[in-house]
Amino acid sequence: MNGIPVLHVEADCIARAWELSLIELNRHGCCIKTEYDKPEDPPSKDATMIITITDPLSEPMIHKDFPGGPIELQEYVMEVCEGIKDHLVRDPSDPDDTRWEYTYHQRLFAYSVPTLAPVNQIEALCQRLARAPHTRRAQAITWKVWEDIECYDPACLQSIWCRIIEENGQPVLSMNVRFRSNDAYKAAFMNIFALVQLQQRIAARVSELIGRPVRIGRYCHMADSYHIYGSYFREFEGRFLGALEKRTFEQRTMRYDAVRDMMEEARPMLLEKARSLGGGQQI
């Protein structure tokens, strides 16, 4: 490869696709330093990655080896899709405000531009798809060039793009997602899972607008920099790579439908937790 490797994996479900992406990255990624490294940290393993998930709602949807559990996953879905942490976003006009620079929900559902009212890009995307399912303009962005170029912690997710085609007489919604930077081991699984939940909600909204069921199509996850940080590579080797040798794929994953009720029951607790927060780290 002349430069940074470009890798591609394809699988039927989220859990398998994420697992394959880490295996491929570990085998074929290049070694490169990052702006967040401490002097003693090894370089990260990095590549441009394209992950295609042909049936995003097929089971098993959840991989046991992502750093978290079902309740943390539910919290993140609510953060991205429902905006339970939008109140943590800082006031950009206040230099002393040290809260978050953004949430994905705020950028997608209430994108703010100086002197203009916030824009609900997801609703606009759905409205455009309802008018012209084949449109190439149904997208939402997060980047704010006037803020993010000099921002210490700019948004990693850059854009969402959707299009609908007819298959066997039914509308099918495909979604492309692009990240400029994606922590492959500690963030990508939760990112993908939450964004597939958003894909479902977009399909449901378009269905409501056109009066026809809209089926979920393939999901394509693209990351300019898909990386495993050198600072936690030993953890990745021990927890993730070690599990590949010791457990079957069925033992490494779980069905979403087996834990969905538990995750939903955690909603009141997670809402109360979000209300009590004053800041933190995004993924």
Protein backbone atom coordinates (compact mmCIF):
# COMPACT_ATOMS: atom_id res chain seq x y z
CA MET A 1 0.00 0.00 0.00
CA ASN A 2 1.27 3.46 -0.89
CA GLY A 3 0.49 5.25 2.37
CA ILE A 4 -2.18 4.48 4.96
CA PRO A 5 -3.88 1.09 4.36
CA VAL A 6 -7.53 1.03 3.27
CA LEU A 7 -9.29 -1.99 4.79
CA HIS A 8 -12.77 -3.38 4.22
CA VAL A 9 -14.82 -5.98 6.06
CA GLU A 10 -18.36 -7.18 5.43
CA ALA A 11 -20.63 -9.21 7.68
CA ASP A 12 -24.27 -9.91 8.34
CA CYS A 13 -24.56 -8.49 11.88
CA ILE A 14 -23.04 -5.76 14.04
CA ALA A 15 -21.16 -8.08 16.41
CA ARG A 16 -19.47 -10.05 13.64
CA ALA A 17 -18.61 -6.95 11.61
CA TRP A 18 -17.00 -5.17 14.56
CA GLU A 19 -15.01 -8.27 15.49
CA LEU A 20 -13.76 -8.75 11.93
CA SER A 21 -12.81 -5.07 11.69
CA LEU A 22 -10.54 -5.37 14.74
CA ILE A 23 -8.93 -8.55 13.44
CA GLU A 24 -8.28 -6.93 10.06
CA LEU A 25 -6.94 -3.75 11.66
CA ASN A 26 -4.61 -5.69 13.94
CA ARG A 27 -3.26 -7.71 11.01
CA HIS A 28 -2.95 -5.05 8.34
CA GLY A 29 -3.03 -1.62 10.01
CA CYS A 30 0.04 0.61 10.05
CA CYS A 31 1.78 1.97 13.13
CA ILE A 32 1.40 5.71 13.66
CA LYS A 33 1.64 8.22 16.51
CA THR A 34 -1.32 10.36 17.64
CA GLU A 35 -1.72 13.84 19.11
CA TYR A 36 -2.95 12.30 22.38
CA ASP A 37 0.05 10.05 23.06
CA LYS A 38 2.21 10.37 26.13
CA PRO A 39 5.97 10.23 25.39
CA GLU A 40 6.19 6.62 26.59
CA ASP A 41 3.14 5.35 24.65
CA PRO A 42 3.67 2.96 21.73
CA PRO A 43 2.23 4.06 18.36
CA SER A 44 -1.36 3.20 17.52
CA LYS A 45 -2.44 0.61 14.97
CA ASP A 46 -4.29 2.58 12.29
CA ALA A 47 -6.03 2.30 8.92
CA THR A 48 -8.83 3.76 6.87
CA MET A 49 -11.69 1.32 7.43
CA ILE A 50 -14.93 0.54 5.59
CA ILE A 51 -17.34 -1.74 7.46
CA THR A 52 -20.42 -3.00 5.62
CA ILE A 53 -23.17 -4.63 7.69
CA THR A 54 -25.63 -6.27 5.33
CA ASP A 55 -28.42 -6.92 7.87
CA PRO A 56 -27.85 -4.55 10.82
CA LEU A 57 -30.76 -5.85 12.91
CA SER A 58 -29.79 -9.51 12.63
CA GLU A 59 -28.66 -11.33 15.76
CA PRO A 60 -26.33 -11.48 17.53
CA MET A 61 -26.17 -7.69 17.67
CA ILE A 62 -24.04 -7.32 20.81
CA HIS A 63 -20.39 -8.33 21.29
CA LYS A 64 -19.40 -9.13 24.87
CA ASP A 65 -15.85 -7.83 24.46
CA PHE A 66 -16.60 -4.16 23.88
CA PRO A 67 -15.52 -2.18 26.97
CA GLY A 68 -18.91 -1.85 28.62
CA GLY A 69 -22.16 -3.71 29.19
CA PRO A 70 -25.82 -3.58 28.14
CA ILE A 71 -26.69 -0.71 30.52
CA GLU A 72 -23.81 1.44 29.26
CA LEU A 73 -24.92 0.63 25.72
CA GLN A 74 -28.48 1.73 26.49
CA GLU A 75 -27.16 4.96 27.98
CA TYR A 76 -25.18 5.70 24.84
CA VAL A 77 -28.15 4.98 22.56
CA MET A 78 -30.22 7.44 24.60
CA GLU A 79 -27.41 10.00 24.39
CA VAL A 80 -27.16 9.77 20.59
CA CYS A 81 -30.80 9.23 19.67
CA GLU A 82 -32.67 11.11 22.40
CA GLY A 83 -30.27 13.81 23.58
CA ILE A 84 -30.28 12.97 27.28
CA LYS A 85 -26.91 14.73 27.68
CA ASP A 86 -27.40 17.75 25.43
CA HIS A 87 -27.50 19.95 28.54
CA LEU A 88 -23.81 19.16 29.04
CA VAL A 89 -22.74 21.06 25.90
CA ARG A 90 -20.80 24.22 26.69
CA ASP A 91 -21.77 27.74 25.71
CA PRO A 92 -19.29 28.57 22.88
CA SER A 93 -19.48 32.27 23.74
CA ASP A 94 -18.26 31.61 27.30
CA PRO A 95 -14.50 30.88 27.40
CA ASP A 96 -14.80 29.74 31.03
CA ASP A 97 -17.41 27.07 30.26
CA THR A 98 -15.55 23.74 30.39
CA ARG A 99 -18.42 21.39 29.62
CA TRP A 100 -18.57 19.22 26.47
CA GLU A 101 -17.88 20.71 23.06
CA TYR A 102 -20.78 18.79 21.50
CA THR A 103 -23.03 15.79 21.57
CA TYR A 104 -23.87 13.97 18.36
CA HIS A 105 -27.56 14.40 19.12
CA GLN A 106 -27.20 18.15 19.44
CA ARG A 107 -25.24 18.44 16.19
CA LEU A 108 -27.70 16.22 14.29
CA PHE A 109 -31.01 17.37 15.78
CA ALA A 110 -30.22 20.99 16.73
CA TYR A 111 -27.28 22.09 14.57
CA SER A 112 -26.58 25.68 15.52
CA VAL A 113 -25.14 28.39 13.29
CA PRO A 114 -24.44 31.93 14.54
CA THR A 115 -27.46 34.24 13.98
CA LEU A 116 -29.71 31.37 12.79
CA ALA A 117 -32.20 29.12 14.54
CA PRO A 118 -31.03 25.54 15.30
CA VAL A 119 -31.62 23.08 12.45
CA ASN A 120 -33.07 19.60 13.00
CA GLN A 121 -31.05 17.89 10.28
CA ILE A 122 -32.52 14.45 10.90
CA GLU A 123 -36.08 15.68 10.43
CA ALA A 124 -35.01 17.55 7.29
CA LEU A 125 -33.33 14.36 6.03
CA CYS A 126 -36.52 12.37 6.64
CA GLN A 127 -38.69 14.98 4.94
CA ARG A 128 -36.44 14.97 1.87
CA LEU A 129 -36.51 11.16 1.66
CA ALA A 130 -40.28 11.23 1.92
CA ARG A 131 -40.47 13.65 -1.02
CA ALA A 132 -37.81 11.92 -3.13
CA PRO A 133 -36.58 8.56 -1.78
CA HIS A 134 -33.85 8.39 -4.45
CA THR A 135 -32.40 11.80 -3.51
CA ARG A 136 -28.64 12.09 -2.99
CA ARG A 137 -29.12 15.07 -0.67
CA ALA A 138 -30.46 13.32 2.44
CA GLN A 139 -27.54 13.93 4.76
CA ALA A 140 -26.71 15.44 8.13
CA ILE A 141 -23.33 16.80 9.20
CA THR A 142 -21.64 17.59 12.51
CA TRP A 143 -18.56 19.64 11.59
CA LYS A 144 -18.59 23.34 12.45
CA VAL A 145 -15.64 24.80 10.60
CA TRP A 146 -15.72 28.04 12.61
CA GLU A 147 -15.34 26.08 15.88
CA ASP A 148 -13.86 22.67 15.19
CA ILE A 149 -10.63 23.56 13.39
CA GLU A 150 -9.16 24.94 16.62
CA CYS A 151 -11.23 22.82 19.03
CA TYR A 152 -9.31 20.51 21.38
CA ASP A 153 -11.95 17.77 21.15
CA PRO A 154 -13.77 18.12 17.78
CA ALA A 155 -16.55 15.79 16.70
CA CYS A 156 -15.38 12.41 15.40
CA LEU A 157 -18.60 11.56 13.57
CA GLN A 158 -18.74 13.74 10.46
CA SER A 159 -21.81 12.84 8.44
CA ILE A 160 -24.82 10.59 7.96
CA TRP A 161 -26.22 9.94 4.47
CA CYS A 162 -29.34 7.95 3.63
CA ARG A 163 -31.07 6.78 0.46
CA ILE A 164 -34.07 4.57 -0.28
CA ILE A 165 -34.54 2.09 -3.10
CA GLU A 166 -37.39 -0.30 -3.83
CA GLU A 167 -36.75 -4.02 -3.36
CA ASN A 168 -39.58 -6.48 -3.99
CA GLY A 169 -42.08 -3.65 -3.80
CA GLN A 170 -40.88 -2.32 -0.43
CA PRO A 171 -38.80 0.78 0.36
CA VAL A 172 -35.37 -0.11 1.81
CA LEU A 173 -33.31 2.53 3.62
CA SER A 174 -29.52 2.28 3.39
CA MET A 175 -27.28 4.44 5.56
CA ASN A 176 -23.67 5.58 5.23
CA VAL A 177 -21.80 7.02 8.21
CA ARG A 178 -18.39 8.71 8.11
CA PHE A 179 -16.01 9.29 11.01
CA ARG A 180 -12.81 11.32 10.69
CA SER A 181 -11.46 9.43 13.72
CA ASN A 182 -12.79 6.29 15.38
CA ASP A 183 -11.39 4.45 18.38
CA ALA A 184 -11.82 0.95 17.00
CA TYR A 185 -11.67 -0.95 20.28
CA LYS A 186 -13.18 1.37 22.89
CA ALA A 187 -15.78 3.33 20.89
CA ALA A 188 -16.63 1.88 17.48
CA PHE A 189 -18.99 -0.87 18.64
CA MET A 190 -21.12 1.54 20.66
CA ASN A 191 -21.01 4.08 17.83
CA ILE A 192 -22.25 1.52 15.31
CA PHE A 193 -24.93 0.09 17.59
CA ALA A 194 -26.36 3.53 18.43
CA LEU A 195 -26.28 4.70 14.82
CA VAL A 196 -28.13 1.58 13.67
CA GLN A 197 -30.76 2.47 16.27
CA LEU A 198 -30.88 5.92 14.66
CA GLN A 199 -31.22 4.27 11.25
CA GLN A 200 -34.28 2.46 12.60
CA ARG A 201 -35.78 5.73 13.82
CA ILE A 202 -35.16 7.42 10.49
CA ALA A 203 -36.89 4.54 8.69
CA ALA A 204 -39.83 4.75 11.09
CA ARG A 205 -40.18 8.51 10.57
CA VAL A 206 -40.06 8.19 6.77
CA SER A 207 -42.60 5.38 7.01
CA GLU A 208 -44.87 7.69 8.99
CA LEU A 209 -44.50 10.44 6.39
CA ILE A 210 -45.18 8.27 3.33
CA GLY A 211 -47.70 5.89 4.87
CA ARG A 212 -45.74 2.75 3.92
CA PRO A 213 -43.42 0.45 5.89
CA VAL A 214 -39.74 1.20 5.29
CA ARG A 215 -37.30 -1.66 5.81
CA ILE A 216 -33.79 -1.27 7.24
CA GLY A 217 -31.15 -1.87 4.58
CA ARG A 218 -27.42 -2.22 4.83
CA TYR A 219 -25.30 0.03 7.05
CA CYS A 220 -21.89 1.27 5.90
CA HIS A 221 -19.46 2.63 8.50
CA MET A 222 -16.45 4.52 7.14
CA ALA A 223 -13.59 5.82 9.28
CA ASP A 224 -10.70 7.89 7.92
CA SER A 225 -8.64 6.85 10.95
CA TYR A 226 -9.75 3.58 12.55
CA HIS A 227 -7.29 2.94 15.33
CA ILE A 228 -6.27 0.97 18.39
CA TYR A 229 -4.25 3.16 20.74
CA GLY A 230 -0.84 1.89 21.74
CA SER A 231 -1.53 2.95 25.34
CA TYR A 232 -4.07 0.14 25.78
CA PHE A 233 -2.80 -2.37 23.24
CA ARG A 234 -1.92 -4.90 25.95
CA GLU A 235 -5.50 -4.78 27.21
CA PHE A 236 -6.74 -5.32 23.65
CA GLU A 237 -4.41 -8.31 23.20
CA GLY A 238 -5.41 -9.90 26.48
CA ARG A 239 -9.14 -9.26 26.47
CA PHE A 240 -10.10 -9.24 22.80
CA LEU A 241 -7.50 -11.32 20.95
CA GLY A 242 -7.29 -13.75 23.85
CA ALA A 243 -11.03 -14.39 23.69
CA LEU A 244 -10.79 -15.35 20.01
CA GLU A 245 -8.69 -18.36 20.97
CA LYS A 246 -10.64 -19.40 24.06
CA ARG A 247 -14.32 -18.94 23.15
CA THR A 248 -16.61 -19.58 20.20
CA PHE A 249 -18.31 -16.73 18.37
CA GLU A 250 -21.57 -17.62 20.13
CA GLN A 251 -19.79 -17.37 23.50
CA ARG A 252 -18.26 -14.00 22.55
CA THR A 253 -21.60 -12.42 21.63
CA MET A 254 -25.15 -12.01 22.92
CA ARG A 255 -28.54 -11.45 21.39
CA TYR A 256 -30.00 -7.98 21.78
CA ASP A 257 -33.47 -9.46 22.17
CA ALA A 258 -32.21 -11.36 25.23
CA VAL A 259 -31.25 -8.16 27.08
CA ARG A 260 -33.56 -5.58 25.48
CA ASP A 261 -36.08 -5.63 28.35
CA MET A 262 -33.33 -5.15 30.93
CA MET A 263 -31.89 -2.27 28.92
CA GLU A 264 -35.29 -0.61 28.58
CA GLU A 265 -35.99 -1.00 32.30
CA ALA A 266 -32.82 0.99 32.98
CA ARG A 267 -34.21 4.08 31.22
CA PRO A 268 -35.51 5.91 34.35
CA MET A 269 -32.22 5.36 36.17
CA LEU A 270 -30.22 6.54 33.14
CA LEU A 271 -32.37 9.64 32.74
CA GLU A 272 -31.81 10.52 36.39
CA LYS A 273 -28.08 9.86 36.03
CA ALA A 274 -27.90 12.15 32.99
CA ARG A 275 -29.72 14.93 34.83
CA SER A 276 -27.14 14.77 37.62
CA LEU A 277 -24.09 14.96 35.34
CA GLY A 278 -22.00 18.05 34.87
CA GLY A 279 -19.42 16.94 32.31
CA GLY A 280 -17.44 13.96 31.04
CA GLN A 281 -15.83 12.35 28.04
CA GLN A 282 -17.49 11.61 24.71
CA ILE A 283 -16.98 8.70 22.35
